[in-house]
Amino acid sequence: QSGAMKRAIGQISKGSKGGWIKVGVKKTDQMKAFYPAFLFYGSRKTGLRPRGNFITAALKNKREVVRDNIRAALKSSLVPR
């Protein structure tokens, strides 16, 4: 509801020459606990059922948009020599 987890999604690490990046959720100062773990594993205390990896589910929903954005970025950044 606060948007803290949405703001925490970003680049976790990258390859030495920028050939790959890893995107995920980082714990921020605003989060008292690593909330994505509650979504993935669930919580007996709160009655939250496990929901799996929400990032992969979101990517599947936005697959074509993400793919189009990546293709456009590559086309504009690659210059033949």
PDB file of N, CA and C in Angstrom:
ATOM      1  N   GLN A   1       0.812  -1.200   0.000  1.00  0.00           N
ATOM      2  CA  GLN A   1       0.000   0.000   0.000  1.00  0.00           C
ATOM      3  C   GLN A   1       0.852   1.259   0.000  1.00  0.00           C
ATOM      4  N   SER A   2       2.038   1.182   0.594  1.00  0.00           N
ATOM      5  CA  SER A   2       2.897   2.364   0.644  1.00  0.00           C
ATOM      6  C   SER A   2       3.740   2.518  -0.614  1.00  0.00           C
ATOM      7  N   GLY A   3       3.911   1.441  -1.380  1.00  0.00           N
ATOM      8  CA  GLY A   3       4.733   1.484  -2.588  1.00  0.00           C
ATOM      9  C   GLY A   3       6.199   1.234  -2.328  1.00  0.00           C
ATOM     10  N   ALA A   4       6.566   0.894  -1.079  1.00  0.00           N
ATOM     11  CA  ALA A   4       7.981   0.684  -0.741  1.00  0.00           C
ATOM     12  C   ALA A   4       8.577  -0.472  -1.538  1.00  0.00           C
ATOM     13  N   MET A   5       7.827  -1.569  -1.686  1.00  0.00           N
ATOM     14  CA  MET A   5       8.372  -2.709  -2.415  1.00  0.00           C
ATOM     15  C   MET A   5       8.542  -2.366  -3.893  1.00  0.00           C
ATOM     16  N   LYS A   6       7.601  -1.641  -4.473  1.00  0.00           N
ATOM     17  CA  LYS A   6       7.712  -1.244  -5.875  1.00  0.00           C
ATOM     18  C   LYS A   6       8.967  -0.404  -6.086  1.00  0.00           C
ATOM     19  N   ARG A   7       9.240   0.516  -5.168  1.00  0.00           N
ATOM     20  CA  ARG A   7      10.432   1.353  -5.290  1.00  0.00           C
ATOM     21  C   ARG A   7      11.711   0.562  -5.060  1.00  0.00           C
ATOM     22  N   ALA A   8      11.618  -0.563  -4.347  1.00  0.00           N
ATOM     23  CA  ALA A   8      12.804  -1.356  -4.041  1.00  0.00           C
ATOM     24  C   ALA A   8      13.196  -2.287  -5.192  1.00  0.00           C
ATOM     25  N   ILE A   9      12.335  -2.462  -6.195  1.00  0.00           N
ATOM     26  CA  ILE A   9      12.665  -3.324  -7.327  1.00  0.00           C
ATOM     27  C   ILE A   9      13.649  -2.597  -8.221  1.00  0.00           C
ATOM     28  N   GLY A  10      14.740  -3.269  -8.517  1.00  0.00           N
ATOM     29  CA  GLY A  10      15.750  -2.649  -9.370  1.00  0.00           C
ATOM     30  C   GLY A  10      16.910  -3.583  -9.599  1.00  0.00           C
ATOM     31  N   GLN A  11      18.013  -3.018 -10.044  1.00  0.00           N
ATOM     32  CA  GLN A  11      19.203  -3.798 -10.364  1.00  0.00           C
ATOM     33  C   GLN A  11      19.881  -4.276  -9.090  1.00  0.00           C
ATOM     34  N   ILE A  12      20.062  -5.598  -8.989  1.00  0.00           N
ATOM     35  CA  ILE A  12      20.747  -6.183  -7.833  1.00  0.00           C
ATOM     36  C   ILE A  12      22.243  -6.294  -8.121  1.00  0.00           C
ATOM     37  N   SER A  13      22.588  -6.810  -9.295  1.00  0.00           N
ATOM     38  CA  SER A  13      23.987  -6.943  -9.683  1.00  0.00           C
ATOM     39  C   SER A  13      24.077  -6.933 -11.208  1.00  0.00           C
ATOM     40  N   LYS A  14      25.317  -6.826 -11.716  1.00  0.00           N
ATOM     41  CA  LYS A  14      25.510  -6.850 -13.157  1.00  0.00           C
ATOM     42  C   LYS A  14      26.821  -7.529 -13.488  1.00  0.00           C
ATOM     43  N   GLY A  15      26.930  -7.973 -14.726  1.00  0.00           N
ATOM     44  CA  GLY A  15      28.144  -8.635 -15.180  1.00  0.00           C
ATOM     45  C   GLY A  15      29.311  -7.660 -15.244  1.00  0.00           C
ATOM     46  N   SER A  16      30.509  -8.206 -15.283  1.00  0.00           N
ATOM     47  CA  SER A  16      31.700  -7.361 -15.248  1.00  0.00           C
ATOM     48  C   SER A  16      31.780  -6.399 -16.427  1.00  0.00           C
ATOM     49  N   LYS A  17      31.283  -6.805 -17.593  1.00  0.00           N
ATOM     50  CA  LYS A  17      31.319  -5.921 -18.761  1.00  0.00           C
ATOM     51  C   LYS A  17      29.920  -5.489 -19.171  1.00  0.00           C
ATOM     52  N   GLY A  18      28.960  -5.622 -18.275  1.00  0.00           N
ATOM     53  CA  GLY A  18      27.601  -5.183 -18.550  1.00  0.00           C
ATOM     54  C   GLY A  18      26.814  -6.116 -19.452  1.00  0.00           C
ATOM     55  N   GLY A  19      27.255  -7.362 -19.595  1.00  0.00           N
ATOM     56  CA  GLY A  19      26.586  -8.317 -20.475  1.00  0.00           C
ATOM     57  C   GLY A  19      25.281  -8.857 -19.911  1.00  0.00           C
ATOM     58  N   TRP A  20      25.077  -8.711 -18.617  1.00  0.00           N
ATOM     59  CA  TRP A  20      23.836  -9.186 -17.985  1.00  0.00           C
ATOM     60  C   TRP A  20      23.578  -8.370 -16.729  1.00  0.00           C
ATOM     61  N   ILE A  21      22.334  -8.350 -16.309  1.00  0.00           N
ATOM     62  CA  ILE A  21      21.976  -7.744 -15.032  1.00  0.00           C
ATOM     63  C   ILE A  21      20.988  -8.655 -14.321  1.00  0.00           C
ATOM     64  N   LYS A  22      20.965  -8.560 -13.016  1.00  0.00           N
ATOM     65  CA  LYS A  22      20.009  -9.301 -12.200  1.00  0.00           C
ATOM     66  C   LYS A  22      19.074  -8.288 -11.556  1.00  0.00           C
ATOM     67  N   VAL A  23      17.771  -8.478 -11.792  1.00  0.00           N
ATOM     68  CA  VAL A  23      16.766  -7.577 -11.254  1.00  0.00           C
ATOM     69  C   VAL A  23      16.029  -8.279 -10.130  1.00  0.00           C
ATOM     70  N   GLY A  24      15.763  -7.570  -9.051  1.00  0.00           N
ATOM     71  CA  GLY A  24      15.052  -8.166  -7.926  1.00  0.00           C
ATOM     72  C   GLY A  24      14.638  -7.098  -6.933  1.00  0.00           C
ATOM     73  N   VAL A  25      14.302  -7.543  -5.743  1.00  0.00           N
ATOM     74  CA  VAL A  25      13.863  -6.633  -4.691  1.00  0.00           C
ATOM     75  C   VAL A  25      14.923  -6.568  -3.604  1.00  0.00           C
ATOM     76  N   LYS A  26      15.306  -5.345  -3.263  1.00  0.00           N
ATOM     77  CA  LYS A  26      16.253  -5.135  -2.171  1.00  0.00           C
ATOM     78  C   LYS A  26      15.483  -4.658  -0.947  1.00  0.00           C
ATOM     79  N   LYS A  27      15.911  -5.060   0.222  1.00  0.00           N
ATOM     80  CA  LYS A  27      15.287  -4.556   1.443  1.00  0.00           C
ATOM     81  C   LYS A  27      15.673  -3.091   1.607  1.00  0.00           C
ATOM     82  N   THR A  28      14.694  -2.262   1.905  1.00  0.00           N
ATOM     83  CA  THR A  28      14.962  -0.838   2.089  1.00  0.00           C
ATOM     84  C   THR A  28      14.778  -0.481   3.557  1.00  0.00           C
ATOM     85  N   ASP A  29      15.135   0.743   3.885  1.00  0.00           N
ATOM     86  CA  ASP A  29      14.979   1.216   5.263  1.00  0.00           C
ATOM     87  C   ASP A  29      13.504   1.269   5.668  1.00  0.00           C
ATOM     88  N   GLN A  30      12.620   1.461   4.678  1.00  0.00           N
ATOM     89  CA  GLN A  30      11.194   1.561   4.974  1.00  0.00           C
ATOM     90  C   GLN A  30      10.579   0.201   5.311  1.00  0.00           C
ATOM     91  N   MET A  31      11.206  -0.890   4.851  1.00  0.00           N
ATOM     92  CA  MET A  31      10.670  -2.231   5.115  1.00  0.00           C
ATOM     93  C   MET A  31      11.205  -2.738   6.447  1.00  0.00           C
ATOM     94  N   LYS A  32      10.318  -3.158   7.318  1.00  0.00           N
ATOM     95  CA  LYS A  32      10.748  -3.711   8.598  1.00  0.00           C
ATOM     96  C   LYS A  32      11.222  -5.141   8.428  1.00  0.00           C
ATOM     97  N   ALA A  33      10.686  -5.837   7.425  1.00  0.00           N
ATOM     98  CA  ALA A  33      11.090  -7.201   7.101  1.00  0.00           C
ATOM     99  C   ALA A  33      11.167  -7.298   5.585  1.00  0.00           C
ATOM    100  N   PHE A  34      11.789  -8.350   5.096  1.00  0.00           N
ATOM    101  CA  PHE A  34      11.904  -8.546   3.652  1.00  0.00           C
ATOM    102  C   PHE A  34      10.572  -9.079   3.142  1.00  0.00           C
ATOM    103  N   TYR A  35       9.664  -8.162   2.803  1.00  0.00           N
ATOM    104  CA  TYR A  35       8.286  -8.495   2.456  1.00  0.00           C
ATOM    105  C   TYR A  35       8.148  -9.508   1.321  1.00  0.00           C
ATOM    106  N   PRO A  36       8.986  -9.463   0.262  1.00  0.00           N
ATOM    107  CA  PRO A  36       8.834 -10.468  -0.797  1.00  0.00           C
ATOM    108  C   PRO A  36       8.934 -11.906  -0.285  1.00  0.00           C
ATOM    109  N   ALA A  37       9.676 -12.125   0.784  1.00  0.00           N
ATOM    110  CA  ALA A  37       9.767 -13.475   1.354  1.00  0.00           C
ATOM    111  C   ALA A  37       8.410 -13.931   1.877  1.00  0.00           C
ATOM    112  N   PHE A  38       7.623 -13.020   2.441  1.00  0.00           N
ATOM    113  CA  PHE A  38       6.283 -13.373   2.908  1.00  0.00           C
ATOM    114  C   PHE A  38       5.388 -13.750   1.734  1.00  0.00           C
ATOM    115  N   LEU A  39       5.538 -13.043   0.599  1.00  0.00           N
ATOM    116  CA  LEU A  39       4.744 -13.382  -0.581  1.00  0.00           C
ATOM    117  C   LEU A  39       5.137 -14.752  -1.123  1.00  0.00           C
ATOM    118  N   PHE A  40       6.429 -15.026  -1.152  1.00  0.00           N
ATOM    119  CA  PHE A  40       6.913 -16.286  -1.726  1.00  0.00           C
ATOM    120  C   PHE A  40       6.570 -17.479  -0.833  1.00  0.00           C
ATOM    121  N   TYR A  41       6.892 -17.380   0.454  1.00  0.00           N
ATOM    122  CA  TYR A  41       6.730 -18.517   1.370  1.00  0.00           C
ATOM    123  C   TYR A  41       5.408 -18.530   2.128  1.00  0.00           C
ATOM    124  N   GLY A  42       4.748 -17.388   2.213  1.00  0.00           N
ATOM    125  CA  GLY A  42       3.534 -17.304   3.015  1.00  0.00           C
ATOM    126  C   GLY A  42       3.879 -17.096   4.482  1.00  0.00           C
ATOM    127  N   SER A  43       2.863 -17.005   5.309  1.00  0.00           N
ATOM    128  CA  SER A  43       3.079 -16.788   6.735  1.00  0.00           C
ATOM    129  C   SER A  43       1.955 -17.450   7.522  1.00  0.00           C
ATOM    130  N   ARG A  44       2.312 -18.347   8.403  1.00  0.00           N
ATOM    131  CA  ARG A  44       1.299 -18.976   9.264  1.00  0.00           C
ATOM    132  C   ARG A  44       0.702 -17.959  10.226  1.00  0.00           C
ATOM    133  N   LYS A  45       1.546 -17.059  10.686  1.00  0.00           N
ATOM    134  CA  LYS A  45       1.125 -16.069  11.681  1.00  0.00           C
ATOM    135  C   LYS A  45       0.013 -15.151  11.140  1.00  0.00           C
ATOM    136  N   THR A  46       0.144 -14.743   9.871  1.00  0.00           N
ATOM    137  CA  THR A  46      -0.836 -13.834   9.287  1.00  0.00           C
ATOM    138  C   THR A  46      -1.858 -14.549   8.406  1.00  0.00           C
ATOM    139  N   GLY A  47      -1.651 -15.848   8.157  1.00  0.00           N
ATOM    140  CA  GLY A  47      -2.568 -16.606   7.304  1.00  0.00           C
ATOM    141  C   GLY A  47      -2.370 -16.351   5.816  1.00  0.00           C
ATOM    142  N   LEU A  48      -1.232 -15.768   5.441  1.00  0.00           N
ATOM    143  CA  LEU A  48      -0.936 -15.486   4.042  1.00  0.00           C
ATOM    144  C   LEU A  48      -0.461 -16.759   3.355  1.00  0.00           C
ATOM    145  N   ARG A  49      -1.139 -17.134   2.271  1.00  0.00           N
ATOM    146  CA  ARG A  49      -0.747 -18.337   1.532  1.00  0.00           C
ATOM    147  C   ARG A  49       0.467 -18.043   0.651  1.00  0.00           C
ATOM    148  N   PRO A  50       1.341 -19.042   0.420  1.00  0.00           N
ATOM    149  CA  PRO A  50       2.480 -18.841  -0.486  1.00  0.00           C
ATOM    150  C   PRO A  50       1.985 -18.505  -1.894  1.00  0.00           C
ATOM    151  N   ARG A  51       2.629 -17.542  -2.521  1.00  0.00           N
ATOM    152  CA  ARG A  51       2.209 -17.111  -3.856  1.00  0.00           C
ATOM    153  C   ARG A  51       3.269 -17.321  -4.916  1.00  0.00           C
ATOM    154  N   GLY A  52       4.427 -17.822  -4.567  1.00  0.00           N
ATOM    155  CA  GLY A  52       5.481 -18.022  -5.557  1.00  0.00           C
ATOM    156  C   GLY A  52       6.209 -16.717  -5.850  1.00  0.00           C
ATOM    157  N   ASN A  53       6.987 -16.740  -6.906  1.00  0.00           N
ATOM    158  CA  ASN A  53       7.814 -15.599  -7.273  1.00  0.00           C
ATOM    159  C   ASN A  53       6.982 -14.582  -8.042  1.00  0.00           C
ATOM    160  N   PHE A  54       6.651 -13.463  -7.406  1.00  0.00           N
ATOM    161  CA  PHE A  54       5.786 -12.465  -8.024  1.00  0.00           C
ATOM    162  C   PHE A  54       6.468 -11.748  -9.179  1.00  0.00           C
ATOM    163  N   ILE A  55       7.793 -11.689  -9.191  1.00  0.00           N
ATOM    164  CA  ILE A  55       8.495 -10.998 -10.277  1.00  0.00           C
ATOM    165  C   ILE A  55       8.360 -11.789 -11.573  1.00  0.00           C
ATOM    166  N   THR A  56       8.497 -13.118 -11.515  1.00  0.00           N
ATOM    167  CA  THR A  56       8.343 -13.916 -12.739  1.00  0.00           C
ATOM    168  C   THR A  56       6.901 -13.874 -13.235  1.00  0.00           C
ATOM    169  N   ALA A  57       5.944 -13.852 -12.316  1.00  0.00           N
ATOM    170  CA  ALA A  57       4.540 -13.750 -12.732  1.00  0.00           C
ATOM    171  C   ALA A  57       4.277 -12.400 -13.396  1.00  0.00           C
ATOM    172  N   ALA A  58       4.822 -11.336 -12.860  1.00  0.00           N
ATOM    173  CA  ALA A  58       4.656 -10.004 -13.459  1.00  0.00           C
ATOM    174  C   ALA A  58       5.329  -9.946 -14.827  1.00  0.00           C
ATOM    175  N   LEU A  59       6.499 -10.575 -14.946  1.00  0.00           N
ATOM    176  CA  LEU A  59       7.198 -10.588 -16.233  1.00  0.00           C
ATOM    177  C   LEU A  59       6.390 -11.330 -17.288  1.00  0.00           C
ATOM    178  N   LYS A  60       5.766 -12.444 -16.905  1.00  0.00           N
ATOM    179  CA  LYS A  60       4.932 -13.179 -17.859  1.00  0.00           C
ATOM    180  C   LYS A  60       3.775 -12.321 -18.343  1.00  0.00           C
ATOM    181  N   ASN A  61       3.183 -11.541 -17.444  1.00  0.00           N
ATOM    182  CA  ASN A  61       2.066 -10.666 -17.816  1.00  0.00           C
ATOM    183  C   ASN A  61       2.500  -9.541 -18.748  1.00  0.00           C
ATOM    184  N   LYS A  62       3.723  -9.082 -18.602  1.00  0.00           N
ATOM    185  CA  LYS A  62       4.236  -7.951 -19.389  1.00  0.00           C
ATOM    186  C   LYS A  62       5.304  -8.374 -20.396  1.00  0.00           C
ATOM    187  N   ARG A  63       5.378  -9.655 -20.709  1.00  0.00           N
ATOM    188  CA  ARG A  63       6.434 -10.214 -21.547  1.00  0.00           C
ATOM    189  C   ARG A  63       6.623  -9.446 -22.864  1.00  0.00           C
ATOM    190  N   GLU A  64       5.552  -9.221 -23.610  1.00  0.00           N
ATOM    191  CA  GLU A  64       5.669  -8.567 -24.912  1.00  0.00           C
ATOM    192  C   GLU A  64       6.139  -7.119 -24.782  1.00  0.00           C
ATOM    193  N   VAL A  65       5.628  -6.396 -23.789  1.00  0.00           N
ATOM    194  CA  VAL A  65       6.040  -5.006 -23.586  1.00  0.00           C
ATOM    195  C   VAL A  65       7.523  -4.946 -23.234  1.00  0.00           C
ATOM    196  N   VAL A  66       7.957  -5.830 -22.332  1.00  0.00           N
ATOM    197  CA  VAL A  66       9.367  -5.862 -21.935  1.00  0.00           C
ATOM    198  C   VAL A  66      10.239  -6.218 -23.127  1.00  0.00           C
ATOM    199  N   ARG A  67       9.838  -7.225 -23.880  1.00  0.00           N
ATOM    200  CA  ARG A  67      10.608  -7.658 -25.056  1.00  0.00           C
ATOM    201  C   ARG A  67      10.711  -6.512 -26.076  1.00  0.00           C
ATOM    202  N   ASP A  68       9.614  -5.821 -26.342  1.00  0.00           N
ATOM    203  CA  ASP A  68       9.637  -4.703 -27.286  1.00  0.00           C
ATOM    204  C   ASP A  68      10.551  -3.577 -26.814  1.00  0.00           C
ATOM    205  N   ASN A  69      10.515  -3.287 -25.515  1.00  0.00           N
ATOM    206  CA  ASN A  69      11.386  -2.240 -24.959  1.00  0.00           C
ATOM    207  C   ASN A  69      12.860  -2.619 -25.083  1.00  0.00           C
ATOM    208  N   ILE A  70      13.180  -3.872 -24.813  1.00  0.00           N
ATOM    209  CA  ILE A  70      14.571  -4.331 -24.918  1.00  0.00           C
ATOM    210  C   ILE A  70      15.035  -4.269 -26.364  1.00  0.00           C
ATOM    211  N   ARG A  71      14.199  -4.735 -27.298  1.00  0.00           N
ATOM    212  CA  ARG A  71      14.563  -4.685 -28.717  1.00  0.00           C
ATOM    213  C   ARG A  71      14.784  -3.246 -29.180  1.00  0.00           C
ATOM    214  N   ALA A  72      13.910  -2.353 -28.788  1.00  0.00           N
ATOM    215  CA  ALA A  72      14.053  -0.949 -29.183  1.00  0.00           C
ATOM    216  C   ALA A  72      15.337  -0.349 -28.616  1.00  0.00           C
ATOM    217  N   ALA A  73      15.635  -0.671 -27.353  1.00  0.00           N
ATOM    218  CA  ALA A  73      16.858  -0.156 -26.730  1.00  0.00           C
ATOM    219  C   ALA A  73      18.097  -0.693 -27.437  1.00  0.00           C
ATOM    220  N   LEU A  74      18.079  -1.975 -27.798  1.00  0.00           N
ATOM    221  CA  LEU A  74      19.226  -2.553 -28.504  1.00  0.00           C
ATOM    222  C   LEU A  74      19.388  -1.945 -29.891  1.00  0.00           C
ATOM    223  N   LYS A  75      18.288  -1.760 -30.606  1.00  0.00           N
ATOM    224  CA  LYS A  75      18.358  -1.174 -31.946  1.00  0.00           C
ATOM    225  C   LYS A  75      18.937   0.241 -31.902  1.00  0.00           C
ATOM    226  N   SER A  76      18.567   0.997 -30.907  1.00  0.00           N
ATOM    227  CA  SER A  76      19.045   2.383 -30.818  1.00  0.00           C
ATOM    228  C   SER A  76      20.481   2.465 -30.279  1.00  0.00           C
ATOM    229  N   SER A  77      20.944   1.437 -29.579  1.00  0.00           N
ATOM    230  CA  SER A  77      22.272   1.505 -28.978  1.00  0.00           C
ATOM    231  C   SER A  77      23.346   0.817 -29.815  1.00  0.00           C
ATOM    232  N   LEU A  78      22.984  -0.143 -30.646  1.00  0.00           N
ATOM    233  CA  LEU A  78      23.962  -0.852 -31.473  1.00  0.00           C
ATOM    234  C   LEU A  78      24.176  -0.086 -32.780  1.00  0.00           C
ATOM    235  N   VAL A  79      25.411   0.294 -33.039  1.00  0.00           N
ATOM    236  CA  VAL A  79      25.733   1.052 -34.240  1.00  0.00           C
ATOM    237  C   VAL A  79      26.728   0.249 -35.062  1.00  0.00           C
ATOM    238  N   PRO A  80      26.374  -0.066 -36.324  1.00  0.00           N
ATOM    239  CA  PRO A  80      27.328  -0.816 -37.160  1.00  0.00           C
ATOM    240  C   PRO A  80      28.575   0.020 -37.445  1.00  0.00           C
ATOM    241  N   ARG A  81      29.698  -0.646 -37.492  1.00  0.00           N
ATOM    242  CA  ARG A  81      30.962   0.056 -37.768  1.00  0.00           C
ATOM    243  C   ARG A  81      31.541  -0.390 -39.078  1.00  0.00           C
TER     244      ARG A  81
END
